[in-house]
Protein backbone atom coordinates (compact mmCIF):
# COMPACT_ATOMS: atom_id res chain seq x y z
CA MET A 1 -32.66 -118.00 -22.65
CA GLN A 2 -32.09 -115.11 -25.75
CA ARG A 3 -35.49 -113.30 -27.09
CA CYS A 4 -36.07 -112.84 -30.31
CA LEU A 5 -37.03 -109.34 -31.25
CA SER A 6 -40.18 -109.35 -32.94
CA LEU A 7 -41.73 -106.91 -35.69
CA GLN A 8 -43.56 -104.82 -34.02
CA ASP A 9 -40.67 -104.97 -30.81
CA THR A 10 -38.16 -104.40 -34.03
CA GLY A 11 -40.64 -100.63 -35.53
CA LEU A 12 -40.91 -99.51 -31.97
CA THR A 13 -37.00 -99.08 -31.56
CA PHE A 14 -37.03 -97.47 -34.74
CA LEU A 15 -39.52 -95.05 -34.23
CA ALA A 16 -37.61 -94.41 -31.02
CA PHE A 17 -34.55 -94.13 -33.13
CA ILE A 18 -36.13 -92.24 -35.05
CA PHE A 19 -37.76 -89.63 -32.68
CA VAL A 20 -35.50 -89.52 -29.96
CA ILE A 21 -31.97 -89.45 -31.39
CA PRO A 22 -32.48 -86.66 -33.94
CA PHE A 23 -34.12 -84.89 -30.45
CA SER A 24 -31.19 -84.98 -29.27
CA PHE A 25 -29.19 -84.70 -32.22
CA CYS A 26 -31.51 -81.94 -32.48
CA GLN A 27 -31.03 -79.97 -28.84
CA GLN A 28 -27.22 -80.59 -29.37
CA LYS A 29 -26.35 -78.57 -32.55
CA GLU A 30 -29.15 -75.87 -30.54
CA LYS A 31 -26.33 -75.37 -27.90
CA ASN A 32 -23.32 -75.78 -30.24
CA ASN A 33 -24.59 -72.44 -32.60
CA LEU A 34 -25.11 -70.05 -29.39
CA GLU A 35 -21.68 -70.76 -28.08
CA ASN A 36 -19.71 -67.91 -29.19
CA TRP A 37 -16.38 -69.09 -30.60
CA THR A 38 -15.61 -66.11 -33.28
CA ASP A 39 -16.32 -62.88 -31.50
CA ILE A 40 -13.27 -62.63 -29.14
CA PRO A 41 -12.76 -59.52 -26.23
CA PRO A 42 -10.37 -57.60 -26.34
CA THR A 43 -7.93 -57.95 -23.04
CA VAL A 44 -7.93 -54.83 -21.22
CA SER A 45 -5.90 -54.05 -17.57
CA PRO A 46 -8.62 -53.41 -14.25
CA VAL A 47 -8.28 -50.56 -13.03
CA ILE A 48 -5.24 -51.04 -9.41
CA GLY A 49 -5.48 -48.17 -7.12
CA LYS A 50 -5.58 -45.01 -9.01
CA THR A 51 -4.03 -46.83 -12.09
CA ALA A 52 -6.54 -46.34 -15.14
CA PRO A 53 -7.94 -49.43 -17.51
CA SER A 54 -4.48 -49.92 -20.18
CA ASP A 55 -7.05 -48.93 -22.79
CA ALA A 56 -8.22 -45.28 -21.82
CA THR A 57 -6.75 -42.10 -22.11
CA ILE A 58 -5.71 -40.18 -19.40
CA LEU A 59 -7.19 -36.89 -19.33
CA PHE A 60 -5.24 -35.90 -16.67
CA GLU A 61 -2.80 -37.43 -13.90
CA LYS A 62 -0.21 -34.97 -13.32
CA ASN A 63 1.35 -32.08 -13.80
CA ASN A 64 -0.56 -30.83 -16.80
CA LEU A 65 -3.71 -29.84 -19.07
CA ASP A 66 -2.46 -30.23 -22.69
CA LEU A 67 -5.02 -32.26 -23.30
CA TRP A 68 -7.38 -29.26 -22.60
CA GLU A 69 -8.00 -25.77 -23.81
CA GLY A 70 -10.35 -23.19 -22.16
CA VAL A 71 -13.13 -22.13 -23.76
CA LYS A 72 -12.72 -18.47 -23.81
CA VAL A 73 -8.34 -18.66 -23.79
CA LYS A 74 -7.47 -21.75 -25.73
CA ASN A 75 -4.29 -21.93 -24.23
CA PRO A 76 -2.61 -22.12 -21.83
CA VAL A 77 -5.59 -23.42 -19.66
CA PRO A 78 -6.10 -20.76 -16.55
CA TRP A 79 -6.92 -23.19 -14.55
CA LYS A 80 -4.30 -23.94 -12.22
CA VAL A 81 -2.09 -26.89 -11.83
CA ASP A 82 -0.63 -27.91 -8.43
CA GLY A 83 0.94 -31.46 -9.37
CA ASP A 84 -1.76 -34.45 -9.18
CA HIS A 85 -4.45 -32.30 -9.66
CA PHE A 86 -5.63 -28.71 -10.71
CA THR A 87 -8.57 -25.89 -9.48
CA VAL A 88 -11.05 -23.75 -11.68
CA GLU A 89 -10.32 -20.37 -11.93
CA PRO A 90 -13.33 -18.44 -11.48
CA THR A 91 -14.36 -16.15 -14.44
CA THR A 92 -12.05 -18.00 -17.04
CA GLY A 93 -14.29 -19.78 -18.44
CA SER A 94 -14.78 -23.47 -18.31
CA ILE A 95 -12.50 -25.80 -20.18
CA VAL A 96 -13.22 -28.60 -23.26
CA THR A 97 -11.37 -31.38 -24.14
CA LYS A 98 -9.18 -31.22 -27.68
CA GLN A 99 -10.76 -34.72 -29.05
CA GLY A 100 -14.01 -35.61 -29.24
CA TYR A 101 -16.08 -38.58 -27.54
CA GLY A 102 -19.28 -39.69 -28.12
CA ASP A 103 -20.35 -42.85 -26.84
CA CYS A 104 -17.46 -43.25 -23.60
CA GLN A 105 -16.13 -44.50 -19.94
CA LEU A 106 -15.59 -41.76 -17.39
CA HIS A 107 -13.66 -41.27 -14.39
CA VAL A 108 -13.27 -38.08 -12.84
CA GLU A 109 -12.51 -37.63 -9.07
CA TRP A 110 -13.34 -33.31 -7.95
CA LYS A 111 -13.59 -32.10 -4.25
CA ILE A 112 -15.27 -29.30 -2.80
CA PRO A 113 -13.77 -26.47 -1.08
CA ALA A 114 -13.73 -25.15 2.32
CA LEU A 115 -15.27 -21.92 3.62
CA GLU A 116 -15.93 -20.88 0.24
CA VAL A 117 -18.66 -18.00 0.17
CA HIS A 118 -20.80 -17.46 -2.67
CA GLU A 119 -24.40 -16.17 -2.84
CA ASN A 120 -27.44 -18.72 -2.80
CA LEU A 121 -26.99 -21.66 -5.78
CA ARG A 122 -22.89 -21.04 -5.77
CA TYR A 123 -21.34 -23.21 -3.48
CA GLY A 124 -19.32 -25.94 -4.58
CA ASN A 125 -20.96 -25.36 -8.85
CA SER A 126 -19.40 -26.88 -11.48
CA GLY A 127 -20.76 -29.73 -13.60
CA VAL A 128 -19.15 -32.88 -16.42
CA LEU A 129 -20.83 -31.93 -19.48
CA PHE A 130 -20.57 -34.56 -22.33
CA MET A 131 -20.71 -33.35 -26.24
CA GLY A 132 -20.85 -30.01 -24.47
CA PHE A 133 -24.33 -30.17 -24.30
CA TYR A 134 -25.31 -32.88 -21.80
CA GLU A 135 -24.20 -31.57 -18.09
CA LEU A 136 -24.15 -34.10 -14.53
CA GLN A 137 -24.34 -31.68 -12.04
CA ILE A 138 -21.03 -31.38 -9.06
CA TYR A 139 -22.43 -29.08 -6.23
CA SER A 140 -22.46 -29.31 -2.60
CA SER A 141 -24.62 -31.34 -1.06
CA TYR A 142 -23.41 -33.19 1.44
CA ASN A 143 -26.25 -33.84 3.92
CA ASN A 144 -28.25 -30.91 1.77
CA GLU A 145 -26.38 -27.97 3.49
CA HIS A 146 -26.15 -25.78 1.27
CA LYS A 147 -29.80 -26.30 -0.42
CA ILE A 148 -30.86 -26.64 -4.26
CA TYR A 149 -34.19 -28.38 -5.57
CA TYR A 150 -33.05 -32.20 -5.65
CA ASN A 151 -32.48 -31.87 -9.82
CA GLY A 152 -29.38 -29.20 -9.82
CA GLN A 153 -27.58 -30.88 -6.49
CA ALA A 154 -24.67 -33.64 -6.52
CA GLY A 155 -25.05 -36.32 -8.79
CA SER A 156 -28.19 -35.03 -10.85
CA ILE A 157 -28.48 -34.79 -14.55
CA TYR A 158 -28.94 -31.00 -14.42
CA LYS A 159 -32.59 -29.76 -14.91
CA GLN A 160 -33.64 -33.20 -14.84
CA PHE A 161 -33.29 -35.87 -13.09
CA ALA A 162 -32.37 -36.04 -9.48
CA PRO A 163 -30.06 -38.41 -8.34
CA LEU A 164 -31.64 -41.78 -6.31
CA VAL A 165 -29.58 -41.46 -3.75
CA ASN A 166 -27.48 -38.94 -2.21
CA ALA A 167 -24.13 -39.94 -2.00
CA CYS A 168 -21.80 -36.75 -0.88
CA LEU A 169 -19.70 -36.27 0.85
CA PRO A 170 -17.91 -33.53 3.02
CA PRO A 171 -16.37 -30.38 1.61
CA GLU A 172 -11.83 -30.97 1.47
CA GLN A 173 -12.57 -34.50 0.62
CA TRP A 174 -11.77 -36.48 -2.59
CA GLN A 175 -15.25 -37.85 -4.43
CA SER A 176 -15.61 -39.58 -7.76
CA TYR A 177 -17.93 -39.98 -10.57
CA ASP A 178 -17.81 -43.13 -12.49
CA ILE A 179 -20.02 -42.63 -15.54
CA VAL A 180 -21.29 -44.68 -19.08
CA PHE A 181 -22.56 -42.25 -21.42
CA VAL A 182 -24.45 -43.17 -24.76
CA ALA A 183 -24.64 -40.60 -27.05
CA PRO A 184 -27.72 -39.52 -29.10
CA ARG A 185 -28.50 -40.89 -32.46
CA PHE A 186 -30.08 -38.89 -35.19
CA ASN A 187 -31.48 -40.12 -38.56
CA GLU A 188 -30.73 -38.71 -41.59
CA ASP A 189 -33.14 -35.64 -40.93
CA LYS A 190 -31.15 -34.67 -38.33
CA SER A 191 -34.23 -35.44 -36.05
CA ILE A 192 -33.75 -37.39 -33.02
CA LYS A 193 -33.41 -41.40 -33.50
CA SER A 194 -32.39 -42.50 -30.14
CA PRO A 195 -32.16 -40.22 -26.67
CA ALA A 196 -28.92 -39.66 -25.16
CA LYS A 197 -27.82 -41.74 -21.68
CA LEU A 198 -26.75 -42.09 -18.40
CA THR A 199 -25.58 -44.62 -16.03
CA VAL A 200 -23.50 -42.97 -12.92
CA PHE A 201 -21.59 -44.36 -9.84
CA HIS A 202 -20.77 -41.72 -6.93
CA ASN A 203 -18.07 -42.37 -4.80
CA GLY A 204 -19.01 -46.37 -5.88
CA VAL A 205 -22.84 -46.08 -5.31
CA LEU A 206 -25.37 -46.20 -7.96
CA ILE A 207 -27.34 -42.87 -8.15
CA GLN A 208 -28.24 -42.64 -12.14
CA TYR A 209 -29.28 -46.10 -13.94
CA ASP A 210 -29.35 -45.86 -17.33
CA VAL A 211 -31.29 -42.58 -17.60
CA SER A 212 -32.92 -41.50 -21.00
CA LEU A 213 -32.01 -37.89 -21.28
CA LYS A 214 -35.12 -35.41 -22.41
CA GLY A 215 -32.80 -33.32 -24.34
CA ARG A 216 -29.97 -30.73 -23.82
CA THR A 217 -29.72 -29.66 -19.84
CA ASN A 218 -30.12 -25.90 -19.81
CA ASN A 219 -31.51 -23.32 -16.84
CA GLY A 220 -34.25 -22.43 -18.92
CA ASP A 221 -37.95 -24.21 -18.77
CA TYR A 222 -37.47 -25.86 -22.08
CA THR A 223 -35.33 -28.80 -23.67
CA GLU A 224 -35.13 -30.32 -26.63
CA TYR A 225 -32.41 -32.36 -28.81
CA GLN A 226 -30.67 -30.18 -31.70
CA TRP A 227 -28.63 -32.60 -34.06
CA HIS A 228 -24.88 -32.56 -33.49
CA PRO A 229 -21.90 -34.93 -34.89
CA LYS A 230 -21.58 -38.26 -33.53
CA GLU A 231 -18.25 -36.99 -31.39
CA LEU A 232 -17.70 -34.01 -29.62
CA PRO A 233 -15.39 -33.15 -26.10
CA LEU A 234 -15.62 -33.31 -22.71
CA MET A 235 -16.54 -30.29 -20.73
CA LEU A 236 -15.56 -29.45 -17.11
CA GLN A 237 -17.42 -26.23 -15.84
CA GLU A 238 -16.19 -22.97 -14.66
CA HIS A 239 -18.88 -21.50 -12.58
CA ASN A 240 -16.85 -19.57 -9.88
CA SER A 241 -16.33 -21.46 -7.33
CA ARG A 242 -13.11 -23.19 -7.03
CA ILE A 243 -13.43 -26.66 -7.80
CA SER A 244 -10.48 -29.65 -7.97
CA PHE A 245 -10.25 -32.05 -10.01
CA ARG A 246 -8.13 -35.24 -10.68
CA ASN A 247 -7.18 -38.60 -11.83
CA ILE A 248 -9.65 -38.06 -14.92
CA TRP A 249 -9.50 -40.96 -17.86
CA VAL A 250 -11.73 -41.71 -20.07
CA ARG A 251 -12.79 -44.84 -22.79
CA LYS A 252 -14.16 -45.05 -26.08
CA LEU A 253 -17.18 -47.03 -26.46
CA ASN A 254 -18.70 -49.13 -29.28
CA PRO A 255 -22.12 -50.82 -28.45
CA GLY A 256 -22.71 -51.23 -32.07
């Protein structure tokens, strides 16, 4: 037999409709608000083998250093180019990119020469400098055979932070750095607003993780931030060692 609903039953049903159904509707609406259908990420072909991503600038791939210039003598760049790699010529000075960069992803491969003889702290010595001021050290640190203070060994942010681990290979083997650099921000009065940051993979191993730099890296005991433009050249350091480089590419980043 069919049962008729009382007013009390109807009231309960009505209350359920008021509180339960709108609650479900709000949940659905909130979920939909979390779905981003407007900001389409651009498509980039990933790295395959030694190929750079499709949106990268190839800073060196083969045969020339056209995108670089010397610090001492601009052109021609005084370092020795040999096919798919190039090598530092001692005493000729560092080299810099002709284009400036701020936030970026950088890939660089480097090799320490064998049987190189220098005085202490000079074996396999070079560096990658962002904006010309913030140095990621290159050094012969395999098994710590050429000892140096730990915040000066390979993978260190020079004189500021030692690497989390030593991921070095022996001399005469190609090594890689994959680096994410976030440039410092300055206030309108040119005081520091937010520090530079570095995340670094050495031979595929994380060695620096979102590290906030204390200021410019230098060889003295004191460092601080000094105002500079938003974009400045990348630098490869000449420090009396015949370091070789190859397969260098960079991607500009815009984190907002």
